[in-house]
PDB file of N, CA and C in Angstrom:
ATOM      1  N   MET A   1      11.651  30.352  41.646  1.00  0.00           N
ATOM      2  CA  MET A   1      12.411  28.740  41.633  1.00  0.00           C
ATOM      3  C   MET A   1      13.015  28.691  42.135  1.00  0.00           C
ATOM      4  N   ARG A   2      13.453  27.108  42.507  1.00  0.00           N
ATOM      5  CA  ARG A   2      14.449  26.857  43.841  1.00  0.00           C
ATOM      6  C   ARG A   2      15.554  27.112  42.806  1.00  0.00           C
ATOM      7  N   LYS A   3      16.859  26.807  43.678  1.00  0.00           N
ATOM      8  CA  LYS A   3      17.875  26.437  43.002  1.00  0.00           C
ATOM      9  C   LYS A   3      18.221  24.955  42.429  1.00  0.00           C
ATOM     10  N   VAL A   4      18.438  25.043  41.157  1.00  0.00           N
ATOM     11  CA  VAL A   4      18.385  23.356  40.674  1.00  0.00           C
ATOM     12  C   VAL A   4      19.868  22.427  41.809  1.00  0.00           C
ATOM     13  N   ARG A   5      19.276  21.529  41.507  1.00  0.00           N
ATOM     14  CA  ARG A   5      20.435  20.562  42.335  1.00  0.00           C
ATOM     15  C   ARG A   5      21.577  20.052  41.547  1.00  0.00           C
ATOM     16  N   GLU A   6      22.345  19.818  42.223  1.00  0.00           N
ATOM     17  CA  GLU A   6      23.718  19.567  41.517  1.00  0.00           C
ATOM     18  C   GLU A   6      23.663  18.325  40.790  1.00  0.00           C
ATOM     19  N   THR A   7      22.730  17.223  40.928  1.00  0.00           N
ATOM     20  CA  THR A   7      22.737  16.293  40.898  1.00  0.00           C
ATOM     21  C   THR A   7      21.568  16.252  39.631  1.00  0.00           C
ATOM     22  N   LYS A   8      21.960  16.290  38.432  1.00  0.00           N
ATOM     23  CA  LYS A   8      20.849  16.512  37.380  1.00  0.00           C
ATOM     24  C   LYS A   8      20.093  15.507  36.974  1.00  0.00           C
ATOM     25  N   ASN A   9      20.880  14.511  36.684  1.00  0.00           N
ATOM     26  CA  ASN A   9      20.051  12.808  36.862  1.00  0.00           C
ATOM     27  C   ASN A   9      19.056  12.532  37.838  1.00  0.00           C
ATOM     28  N   LEU A  10      18.724  12.770  38.707  1.00  0.00           N
ATOM     29  CA  LEU A  10      17.842  12.382  39.804  1.00  0.00           C
ATOM     30  C   LEU A  10      16.999  12.913  39.825  1.00  0.00           C
ATOM     31  N   VAL A  11      16.190  12.641  39.794  1.00  0.00           N
ATOM     32  CA  VAL A  11      14.208  13.265  40.290  1.00  0.00           C
ATOM     33  C   VAL A  11      14.257  12.912  41.960  1.00  0.00           C
ATOM     34  N   TYR A  12      13.489  14.432  42.313  1.00  0.00           N
ATOM     35  CA  TYR A  12      13.257  13.936  43.852  1.00  0.00           C
ATOM     36  C   TYR A  12      11.657  13.971  43.852  1.00  0.00           C
ATOM     37  N   ALA A  13      10.724  13.750  45.042  1.00  0.00           N
ATOM     38  CA  ALA A  13       9.652  13.691  44.967  1.00  0.00           C
ATOM     39  C   ALA A  13       8.966  15.105  45.007  1.00  0.00           C
ATOM     40  N   ASN A  14       9.996  16.188  45.581  1.00  0.00           N
ATOM     41  CA  ASN A  14       9.310  17.250  45.774  1.00  0.00           C
ATOM     42  C   ASN A  14      10.116  18.329  44.879  1.00  0.00           C
ATOM     43  N   ASP A  15      10.604  18.124  43.828  1.00  0.00           N
ATOM     44  CA  ASP A  15      11.320  18.592  42.494  1.00  0.00           C
ATOM     45  C   ASP A  15       9.710  19.219  41.880  1.00  0.00           C
ATOM     46  N   THR A  16      10.275  20.443  41.564  1.00  0.00           N
ATOM     47  CA  THR A  16       9.204  20.999  40.369  1.00  0.00           C
ATOM     48  C   THR A  16       9.374  20.819  39.349  1.00  0.00           C
ATOM     49  N   VAL A  17       8.781  20.860  37.658  1.00  0.00           N
ATOM     50  CA  VAL A  17       9.053  20.718  36.664  1.00  0.00           C
ATOM     51  C   VAL A  17      10.429  21.791  36.642  1.00  0.00           C
ATOM     52  N   GLU A  18      10.408  22.769  36.828  1.00  0.00           N
ATOM     53  CA  GLU A  18      11.642  23.460  36.626  1.00  0.00           C
ATOM     54  C   GLU A  18      13.064  23.190  36.924  1.00  0.00           C
ATOM     55  N   ASP A  19      13.061  22.099  37.829  1.00  0.00           N
ATOM     56  CA  ASP A  19      14.113  21.647  38.610  1.00  0.00           C
ATOM     57  C   ASP A  19      14.863  20.655  37.783  1.00  0.00           C
ATOM     58  N   ILE A  20      13.900  20.132  37.126  1.00  0.00           N
ATOM     59  CA  ILE A  20      14.461  18.628  36.381  1.00  0.00           C
ATOM     60  C   ILE A  20      15.223  18.984  34.887  1.00  0.00           C
ATOM     61  N   ASN A  21      16.171  18.224  35.205  1.00  0.00           N
ATOM     62  CA  ASN A  21      17.094  18.490  33.543  1.00  0.00           C
ATOM     63  C   ASN A  21      16.150  17.720  32.359  1.00  0.00           C
ATOM     64  N   VAL A  22      15.598  18.039  31.304  1.00  0.00           N
ATOM     65  CA  VAL A  22      14.993  17.457  30.479  1.00  0.00           C
ATOM     66  C   VAL A  22      16.045  17.546  29.342  1.00  0.00           C
ATOM     67  N   GLU A  23      17.300  17.843  29.270  1.00  0.00           N
ATOM     68  CA  GLU A  23      17.924  17.896  27.810  1.00  0.00           C
ATOM     69  C   GLU A  23      18.811  16.665  27.918  1.00  0.00           C
ATOM     70  N   PRO A  24      18.634  16.009  26.702  1.00  0.00           N
ATOM     71  CA  PRO A  24      19.119  14.659  26.509  1.00  0.00           C
ATOM     72  C   PRO A  24      20.574  14.494  26.270  1.00  0.00           C
ATOM     73  N   LEU A  25      21.162  13.859  26.895  1.00  0.00           N
ATOM     74  CA  LEU A  25      22.492  13.456  26.840  1.00  0.00           C
ATOM     75  C   LEU A  25      22.981  13.032  25.163  1.00  0.00           C
ATOM     76  N   ASP A  26      24.159  13.656  24.868  1.00  0.00           N
ATOM     77  CA  ASP A  26      24.305  13.367  23.255  1.00  0.00           C
ATOM     78  C   ASP A  26      24.666  12.082  23.351  1.00  0.00           C
ATOM     79  N   GLU A  27      25.397  11.418  24.041  1.00  0.00           N
ATOM     80  CA  GLU A  27      25.572   9.865  24.059  1.00  0.00           C
ATOM     81  C   GLU A  27      24.404   9.245  23.694  1.00  0.00           C
ATOM     82  N   TYR A  28      23.232   9.465  24.163  1.00  0.00           N
ATOM     83  CA  TYR A  28      22.502   8.644  24.273  1.00  0.00           C
ATOM     84  C   TYR A  28      21.086   8.924  23.453  1.00  0.00           C
ATOM     85  N   GLN A  29      21.752   9.938  22.549  1.00  0.00           N
ATOM     86  CA  GLN A  29      20.344  10.445  21.921  1.00  0.00           C
ATOM     87  C   GLN A  29      20.310   9.038  20.367  1.00  0.00           C
ATOM     88  N   ILE A  30      19.042   8.945  20.141  1.00  0.00           N
ATOM     89  CA  ILE A  30      18.454   8.002  19.410  1.00  0.00           C
ATOM     90  C   ILE A  30      18.000   8.758  17.871  1.00  0.00           C
ATOM     91  N   ASP A  31      18.425   7.985  17.008  1.00  0.00           N
ATOM     92  CA  ASP A  31      17.917   8.741  15.501  1.00  0.00           C
ATOM     93  C   ASP A  31      16.504   7.691  15.185  1.00  0.00           C
ATOM     94  N   TYR A  32      15.122   7.916  15.957  1.00  0.00           N
ATOM     95  CA  TYR A  32      14.275   7.239  15.606  1.00  0.00           C
ATOM     96  C   TYR A  32      13.476   6.503  14.170  1.00  0.00           C
ATOM     97  N   ALA A  33      14.055   8.053  13.676  1.00  0.00           N
ATOM     98  CA  ALA A  33      13.694   7.733  11.668  1.00  0.00           C
ATOM     99  C   ALA A  33      14.308   6.809  11.152  1.00  0.00           C
ATOM    100  N   ASN A  34      15.701   6.702  11.469  1.00  0.00           N
ATOM    101  CA  ASN A  34      16.723   5.622  10.778  1.00  0.00           C
ATOM    102  C   ASN A  34      16.247   4.119  11.385  1.00  0.00           C
ATOM    103  N   ILE A  35      15.959   4.194  12.549  1.00  0.00           N
ATOM    104  CA  ILE A  35      15.362   2.621  13.403  1.00  0.00           C
ATOM    105  C   ILE A  35      13.777   2.231  12.539  1.00  0.00           C
ATOM    106  N   LEU A  36      13.097   3.026  12.342  1.00  0.00           N
ATOM    107  CA  LEU A  36      11.624   3.267  12.104  1.00  0.00           C
ATOM    108  C   LEU A  36      12.301   2.656  10.494  1.00  0.00           C
ATOM    109  N   ASP A  37      12.980   3.382   9.822  1.00  0.00           N
ATOM    110  CA  ASP A  37      13.312   3.089   8.291  1.00  0.00           C
ATOM    111  C   ASP A  37      13.941   1.663   8.334  1.00  0.00           C
ATOM    112  N   PHE A  38      14.724   1.157   9.364  1.00  0.00           N
ATOM    113  CA  PHE A  38      15.341  -0.298   8.993  1.00  0.00           C
ATOM    114  C   PHE A  38      14.141  -1.161   9.064  1.00  0.00           C
ATOM    115  N   TYR A  39      13.361  -0.815  10.177  1.00  0.00           N
ATOM    116  CA  TYR A  39      12.306  -2.105  10.778  1.00  0.00           C
ATOM    117  C   TYR A  39      11.016  -2.146   9.407  1.00  0.00           C
ATOM    118  N   LYS A  40      10.812  -0.967   8.465  1.00  0.00           N
ATOM    119  CA  LYS A  40       9.927  -1.222   7.325  1.00  0.00           C
ATOM    120  C   LYS A  40      10.887  -1.626   6.191  1.00  0.00           C
ATOM    121  N   GLY A  41      11.848  -1.663   5.807  1.00  0.00           N
ATOM    122  CA  GLY A  41      12.773  -2.203   5.053  1.00  0.00           C
ATOM    123  C   GLY A  41      12.798  -3.788   5.468  1.00  0.00           C
ATOM    124  N   LEU A  42      12.915  -3.654   7.043  1.00  0.00           N
ATOM    125  CA  LEU A  42      13.087  -5.573   7.417  1.00  0.00           C
ATOM    126  C   LEU A  42      11.769  -6.144   7.412  1.00  0.00           C
ATOM    127  N   GLN A  43      10.491  -5.535   7.394  1.00  0.00           N
ATOM    128  CA  GLN A  43       9.240  -6.266   6.904  1.00  0.00           C
ATOM    129  C   GLN A  43       9.236  -6.058   5.428  1.00  0.00           C
ATOM    130  N   ASP A  44       9.514  -5.674   5.071  1.00  0.00           N
ATOM    131  CA  ASP A  44       9.360  -5.623   3.300  1.00  0.00           C
ATOM    132  C   ASP A  44      10.443  -6.543   2.737  1.00  0.00           C
ATOM    133  N   ALA A  45      11.739  -6.722   3.143  1.00  0.00           N
ATOM    134  CA  ALA A  45      12.421  -8.114   2.668  1.00  0.00           C
ATOM    135  C   ALA A  45      11.787  -9.517   3.475  1.00  0.00           C
ATOM    136  N   ILE A  46      11.078  -9.526   4.511  1.00  0.00           N
ATOM    137  CA  ILE A  46      10.890 -10.952   5.235  1.00  0.00           C
ATOM    138  C   ILE A  46       9.667 -11.405   4.115  1.00  0.00           C
ATOM    139  N   SER A  47       8.535  -9.944   4.282  1.00  0.00           N
ATOM    140  CA  SER A  47       7.353 -10.904   2.900  1.00  0.00           C
ATOM    141  C   SER A  47       7.643 -10.922   1.918  1.00  0.00           C
ATOM    142  N   LYS A  48       8.342 -10.020   1.259  1.00  0.00           N
ATOM    143  CA  LYS A  48       8.636 -10.613  -0.040  1.00  0.00           C
ATOM    144  C   LYS A  48       9.730 -11.669  -0.164  1.00  0.00           C
ATOM    145  N   ASN A  49      10.410 -12.548   0.686  1.00  0.00           N
ATOM    146  CA  ASN A  49      11.058 -13.363   0.708  1.00  0.00           C
ATOM    147  C   ASN A  49      10.325 -14.235   0.941  1.00  0.00           C
ATOM    148  N   LEU A  50       9.147 -14.265   1.689  1.00  0.00           N
ATOM    149  CA  LEU A  50       8.371 -15.337   2.269  1.00  0.00           C
ATOM    150  C   LEU A  50       7.825 -16.522   0.825  1.00  0.00           C
ATOM    151  N   ILE A  51       7.232 -15.023  -0.120  1.00  0.00           N
ATOM    152  CA  ILE A  51       7.083 -15.227  -1.442  1.00  0.00           C
ATOM    153  C   ILE A  51       7.607 -16.390  -2.305  1.00  0.00           C
ATOM    154  N   ILE A  52       8.901 -15.139  -2.306  1.00  0.00           N
ATOM    155  CA  ILE A  52       9.943 -15.549  -3.217  1.00  0.00           C
ATOM    156  C   ILE A  52      10.481 -17.635  -2.943  1.00  0.00           C
ATOM    157  N   ALA A  53      10.777 -17.271  -1.430  1.00  0.00           N
ATOM    158  CA  ALA A  53      10.979 -18.823  -1.046  1.00  0.00           C
ATOM    159  C   ALA A  53       9.847 -20.108  -1.267  1.00  0.00           C
ATOM    160  N   ASP A  54       8.772 -19.864  -1.203  1.00  0.00           N
ATOM    161  CA  ASP A  54       8.039 -20.778  -0.791  1.00  0.00           C
ATOM    162  C   ASP A  54       6.891 -20.712  -2.325  1.00  0.00           C
ATOM    163  N   LYS A  55       6.780 -21.315  -2.897  1.00  0.00           N
ATOM    164  CA  LYS A  55       5.807 -21.386  -4.644  1.00  0.00           C
ATOM    165  C   LYS A  55       4.456 -21.520  -4.397  1.00  0.00           C
ATOM    166  N   SER A  56       3.964 -21.897  -2.984  1.00  0.00           N
ATOM    167  CA  SER A  56       2.528 -22.125  -2.307  1.00  0.00           C
ATOM    168  C   SER A  56       1.677 -21.002  -1.711  1.00  0.00           C
ATOM    169  N   VAL A  57       3.017 -20.065  -1.336  1.00  0.00           N
ATOM    170  CA  VAL A  57       2.726 -18.876  -0.249  1.00  0.00           C
ATOM    171  C   VAL A  57       2.305 -17.965  -1.702  1.00  0.00           C
ATOM    172  N   LEU A  58       0.995 -17.446  -1.540  1.00  0.00           N
ATOM    173  CA  LEU A  58       0.538 -16.146  -2.637  1.00  0.00           C
ATOM    174  C   LEU A  58       0.318 -14.745  -2.430  1.00  0.00           C
ATOM    175  N   SER A  59       0.519 -14.743  -1.178  1.00  0.00           N
ATOM    176  CA  SER A  59       0.672 -13.114  -0.462  1.00  0.00           C
ATOM    177  C   SER A  59       1.229 -13.481   0.927  1.00  0.00           C
ATOM    178  N   ALA A  60       2.115 -12.224   1.420  1.00  0.00           N
ATOM    179  CA  ALA A  60       2.638 -12.333   2.462  1.00  0.00           C
ATOM    180  C   ALA A  60       2.395 -10.847   3.377  1.00  0.00           C
ATOM    181  N   ARG A  61       1.855 -11.230   4.645  1.00  0.00           N
ATOM    182  CA  ARG A  61       1.508  -9.337   4.844  1.00  0.00           C
ATOM    183  C   ARG A  61       2.605  -9.938   6.409  1.00  0.00           C
ATOM    184  N   ILE A  62       3.055  -8.670   7.078  1.00  0.00           N
ATOM    185  CA  ILE A  62       3.681  -8.666   8.229  1.00  0.00           C
ATOM    186  C   ILE A  62       3.110  -7.366   8.714  1.00  0.00           C
ATOM    187  N   LEU A  63       3.011  -7.381   9.846  1.00  0.00           N
ATOM    188  CA  LEU A  63       2.632  -6.636  10.906  1.00  0.00           C
ATOM    189  C   LEU A  63       3.545  -6.004  12.194  1.00  0.00           C
ATOM    190  N   ALA A  64       3.447  -5.412  12.583  1.00  0.00           N
ATOM    191  CA  ALA A  64       4.160  -4.533  13.318  1.00  0.00           C
ATOM    192  C   ALA A  64       3.138  -4.045  14.479  1.00  0.00           C
ATOM    193  N   ILE A  65       3.107  -4.635  15.716  1.00  0.00           N
ATOM    194  CA  ILE A  65       1.894  -3.891  16.566  1.00  0.00           C
ATOM    195  C   ILE A  65       2.440  -3.684  17.942  1.00  0.00           C
ATOM    196  N   ASN A  66       1.866  -2.345  18.136  1.00  0.00           N
ATOM    197  CA  ASN A  66       2.741  -2.344  19.530  1.00  0.00           C
ATOM    198  C   ASN A  66       1.754  -2.817  20.858  1.00  0.00           C
ATOM    199  N   ALA A  67       2.921  -3.416  21.702  1.00  0.00           N
ATOM    200  CA  ALA A  67       2.742  -4.865  22.711  1.00  0.00           C
ATOM    201  C   ALA A  67       1.632  -4.427  23.723  1.00  0.00           C
ATOM    202  N   SER A  68       1.712  -3.052  24.206  1.00  0.00           N
ATOM    203  CA  SER A  68       1.234  -2.387  24.621  1.00  0.00           C
ATOM    204  C   SER A  68      -0.430  -2.140  24.669  1.00  0.00           C
ATOM    205  N   THR A  69      -0.321  -1.680  23.985  1.00  0.00           N
ATOM    206  CA  THR A  69      -1.599  -0.778  23.071  1.00  0.00           C
ATOM    207  C   THR A  69      -2.582  -2.078  22.395  1.00  0.00           C
ATOM    208  N   GLY A  70      -2.002  -2.774  21.580  1.00  0.00           N
ATOM    209  CA  GLY A  70      -2.321  -3.783  20.353  1.00  0.00           C
ATOM    210  C   GLY A  70      -2.867  -2.698  18.816  1.00  0.00           C
ATOM    211  N   SER A  71      -2.044  -1.573  19.214  1.00  0.00           N
ATOM    212  CA  SER A  71      -2.115  -0.827  17.602  1.00  0.00           C
ATOM    213  C   SER A  71      -1.336  -1.655  17.259  1.00  0.00           C
ATOM    214  N   LEU A  72      -1.969  -0.733  15.644  1.00  0.00           N
ATOM    215  CA  LEU A  72      -0.787  -1.358  14.324  1.00  0.00           C
ATOM    216  C   LEU A  72       0.214  -0.267  14.556  1.00  0.00           C
ATOM    217  N   VAL A  73       1.411  -0.210  13.903  1.00  0.00           N
ATOM    218  CA  VAL A  73       2.564   0.601  14.179  1.00  0.00           C
ATOM    219  C   VAL A  73       2.794   0.697  12.461  1.00  0.00           C
ATOM    220  N   ASN A  74       3.138  -0.571  11.710  1.00  0.00           N
ATOM    221  CA  ASN A  74       3.325  -0.406  10.590  1.00  0.00           C
ATOM    222  C   ASN A  74       2.990  -2.371  10.193  1.00  0.00           C
ATOM    223  N   CYS A  75       2.618  -1.800   8.616  1.00  0.00           N
ATOM    224  CA  CYS A  75       2.488  -3.049   7.640  1.00  0.00           C
ATOM    225  C   CYS A  75       3.295  -3.220   6.698  1.00  0.00           C
ATOM    226  N   ALA A  76       3.575  -4.501   5.952  1.00  0.00           N
ATOM    227  CA  ALA A  76       4.244  -4.654   4.565  1.00  0.00           C
ATOM    228  C   ALA A  76       3.476  -5.801   4.122  1.00  0.00           C
ATOM    229  N   TRP A  77       2.997  -5.366   2.934  1.00  0.00           N
ATOM    230  CA  TRP A  77       2.297  -6.450   2.132  1.00  0.00           C
ATOM    231  C   TRP A  77       2.508  -7.117   0.826  1.00  0.00           C
ATOM    232  N   TRP A  78       2.878  -7.772   0.247  1.00  0.00           N
ATOM    233  CA  TRP A  78       3.305  -8.065  -1.048  1.00  0.00           C
ATOM    234  C   TRP A  78       2.512  -9.671  -1.215  1.00  0.00           C
ATOM    235  N   GLN A  79       2.805  -9.023  -2.467  1.00  0.00           N
ATOM    236  CA  GLN A  79       1.436 -10.175  -3.532  1.00  0.00           C
ATOM    237  C   GLN A  79       1.850 -10.764  -5.109  1.00  0.00           C
ATOM    238  N   LYS A  80       2.284 -12.143  -4.739  1.00  0.00           N
ATOM    239  CA  LYS A  80       2.800 -12.525  -6.447  1.00  0.00           C
ATOM    240  C   LYS A  80       1.741 -12.402  -7.491  1.00  0.00           C
ATOM    241  N   GLN A  81       2.292 -11.754  -8.351  1.00  0.00           N
ATOM    242  CA  GLN A  81       1.425 -11.535  -9.409  1.00  0.00           C
ATOM    243  C   GLN A  81       0.907 -12.561 -10.767  1.00  0.00           C
ATOM    244  N   GLY A  82      -0.024 -12.884 -11.132  1.00  0.00           N
ATOM    245  CA  GLY A  82      -0.416 -13.945 -12.505  1.00  0.00           C
ATOM    246  C   GLY A  82       0.435 -14.248 -13.126  1.00  0.00           C
ATOM    247  N   LEU A  83       0.897 -15.474 -12.992  1.00  0.00           N
ATOM    248  CA  LEU A  83       2.307 -15.937 -14.314  1.00  0.00           C
ATOM    249  C   LEU A  83       3.393 -15.696 -13.673  1.00  0.00           C
ATOM    250  N   ASP A  84       3.916 -15.225 -12.431  1.00  0.00           N
ATOM    251  CA  ASP A  84       4.792 -14.659 -11.964  1.00  0.00           C
ATOM    252  C   ASP A  84       5.430 -13.447 -13.200  1.00  0.00           C
ATOM    253  N   ILE A  85       4.701 -12.471 -13.784  1.00  0.00           N
ATOM    254  CA  ILE A  85       5.028 -11.505 -14.335  1.00  0.00           C
ATOM    255  C   ILE A  85       5.405 -10.473 -13.467  1.00  0.00           C
ATOM    256  N   GLY A  86       6.644  -9.921 -13.868  1.00  0.00           N
ATOM    257  CA  GLY A  86       7.557  -8.901 -12.750  1.00  0.00           C
ATOM    258  C   GLY A  86       7.933  -9.418 -11.702  1.00  0.00           C
ATOM    259  N   GLY A  87       7.797 -10.552 -10.952  1.00  0.00           N
ATOM    260  CA  GLY A  87       7.954 -10.579  -9.571  1.00  0.00           C
ATOM    261  C   GLY A  87       6.779 -10.056  -8.954  1.00  0.00           C
ATOM    262  N   PRO A  88       6.844 -10.548  -7.659  1.00  0.00           N
ATOM    263  CA  PRO A  88       5.870  -9.715  -6.624  1.00  0.00           C
ATOM    264  C   PRO A  88       5.549  -8.298  -6.539  1.00  0.00           C
ATOM    265  N   LYS A  89       4.903  -7.820  -5.914  1.00  0.00           N
ATOM    266  CA  LYS A  89       4.308  -6.550  -6.089  1.00  0.00           C
ATOM    267  C   LYS A  89       3.523  -6.267  -4.681  1.00  0.00           C
ATOM    268  N   LYS A  90       4.268  -4.801  -4.367  1.00  0.00           N
ATOM    269  CA  LYS A  90       4.287  -4.633  -3.185  1.00  0.00           C
ATOM    270  C   LYS A  90       2.625  -3.378  -2.890  1.00  0.00           C
ATOM    271  N   ILE A  91       1.666  -3.922  -1.864  1.00  0.00           N
ATOM    272  CA  ILE A  91       0.712  -3.545  -1.594  1.00  0.00           C
ATOM    273  C   ILE A  91       0.693  -1.948  -1.045  1.00  0.00           C
ATOM    274  N   SER A  92       0.411  -1.128  -1.834  1.00  0.00           N
ATOM    275  CA  SER A  92      -0.117   0.194  -0.692  1.00  0.00           C
ATOM    276  C   SER A  92      -0.936   0.246   0.216  1.00  0.00           C
ATOM    277  N   ASP A  93      -2.235  -0.116  -0.126  1.00  0.00           N
ATOM    278  CA  ASP A  93      -3.270  -0.023   0.051  1.00  0.00           C
ATOM    279  C   ASP A  93      -3.670  -1.287   1.068  1.00  0.00           C
ATOM    280  N   THR A  94      -3.285  -1.227   2.260  1.00  0.00           N
ATOM    281  CA  THR A  94      -3.760  -2.364   2.842  1.00  0.00           C
ATOM    282  C   THR A  94      -4.618  -2.725   3.953  1.00  0.00           C
ATOM    283  N   GLY A  95      -5.597  -1.695   3.849  1.00  0.00           N
ATOM    284  CA  GLY A  95      -6.870  -1.528   4.217  1.00  0.00           C
ATOM    285  C   GLY A  95      -6.811  -1.519   5.701  1.00  0.00           C
ATOM    286  N   MET A  96      -5.549  -0.944   6.631  1.00  0.00           N
ATOM    287  CA  MET A  96      -5.450  -0.994   7.450  1.00  0.00           C
ATOM    288  C   MET A  96      -4.778   0.624   7.971  1.00  0.00           C
ATOM    289  N   GLU A  97      -5.605   0.867   9.257  1.00  0.00           N
ATOM    290  CA  GLU A  97      -4.892   2.315   9.863  1.00  0.00           C
ATOM    291  C   GLU A  97      -3.859   2.066  10.724  1.00  0.00           C
ATOM    292  N   VAL A  98      -2.812   2.714  10.438  1.00  0.00           N
ATOM    293  CA  VAL A  98      -1.808   2.992  11.451  1.00  0.00           C
ATOM    294  C   VAL A  98      -1.997   3.866  12.878  1.00  0.00           C
ATOM    295  N   GLY A  99      -1.920   3.115  14.004  1.00  0.00           N
ATOM    296  CA  GLY A  99      -2.393   3.255  15.011  1.00  0.00           C
ATOM    297  C   GLY A  99      -3.992   3.188  15.816  1.00  0.00           C
ATOM    298  N   ASN A 100      -4.532   2.187  15.029  1.00  0.00           N
ATOM    299  CA  ASN A 100      -5.541   1.548  14.944  1.00  0.00           C
ATOM    300  C   ASN A 100      -5.202  -0.176  15.227  1.00  0.00           C
ATOM    301  N   ARG A 101      -6.134  -0.531  15.899  1.00  0.00           N
ATOM    302  CA  ARG A 101      -6.312  -2.248  16.448  1.00  0.00           C
ATOM    303  C   ARG A 101      -6.455  -3.012  14.760  1.00  0.00           C
ATOM    304  N   PRO A 102      -5.718  -3.941  14.297  1.00  0.00           N
ATOM    305  CA  PRO A 102      -6.254  -4.699  13.400  1.00  0.00           C
ATOM    306  C   PRO A 102      -7.602  -5.635  13.928  1.00  0.00           C
ATOM    307  N   ASN A 103      -8.164  -5.620  12.277  1.00  0.00           N
ATOM    308  CA  ASN A 103      -9.511  -6.617  12.808  1.00  0.00           C
ATOM    309  C   ASN A 103      -9.118  -7.841  13.453  1.00  0.00           C
ATOM    310  N   THR A 104     -10.111  -8.400  14.259  1.00  0.00           N
ATOM    311  CA  THR A 104      -9.741  -9.538  14.928  1.00  0.00           C
ATOM    312  C   THR A 104     -10.405 -10.653  14.040  1.00  0.00           C
ATOM    313  N   GLU A 105     -11.008 -10.377  13.041  1.00  0.00           N
ATOM    314  CA  GLU A 105     -11.756 -11.365  12.274  1.00  0.00           C
ATOM    315  C   GLU A 105     -10.657 -12.180  11.337  1.00  0.00           C
ATOM    316  N   TYR A 106      -9.411 -11.433  11.339  1.00  0.00           N
ATOM    317  CA  TYR A 106      -8.562 -12.010  10.088  1.00  0.00           C
ATOM    318  C   TYR A 106      -7.794 -12.492  11.317  1.00  0.00           C
ATOM    319  N   PRO A 107      -7.380 -14.320  10.798  1.00  0.00           N
ATOM    320  CA  PRO A 107      -6.529 -15.104  11.950  1.00  0.00           C
ATOM    321  C   PRO A 107      -5.019 -14.587  12.223  1.00  0.00           C
ATOM    322  N   TRP A 108      -4.546 -13.526  12.797  1.00  0.00           N
ATOM    323  CA  TRP A 108      -3.396 -12.702  12.860  1.00  0.00           C
ATOM    324  C   TRP A 108      -2.467 -13.859  13.604  1.00  0.00           C
TER     325      TRP A 108
END
């Protein structure tokens, strides 16, 4: 193994894997679990509020789709209950799998 260069953040064409500093910097570390929880809550809030705000809306589904692959990242689905008993209900079985592309027959 060659001696590691002093410039830790730069990668050169002739560097080997051992030469590259892959340790994340504390100031740039991101808590991805908190970000994902935030967006799940945001999707729930948007879809539930769509149902509550407009009486003509019977169901609302919010999809988070990866822009580069087109695959589903997350989905939130809420439906109105008959006669508004108990308010909107969250549907847990959406019929879509995370990581797959949504069905193109639906008007997304």
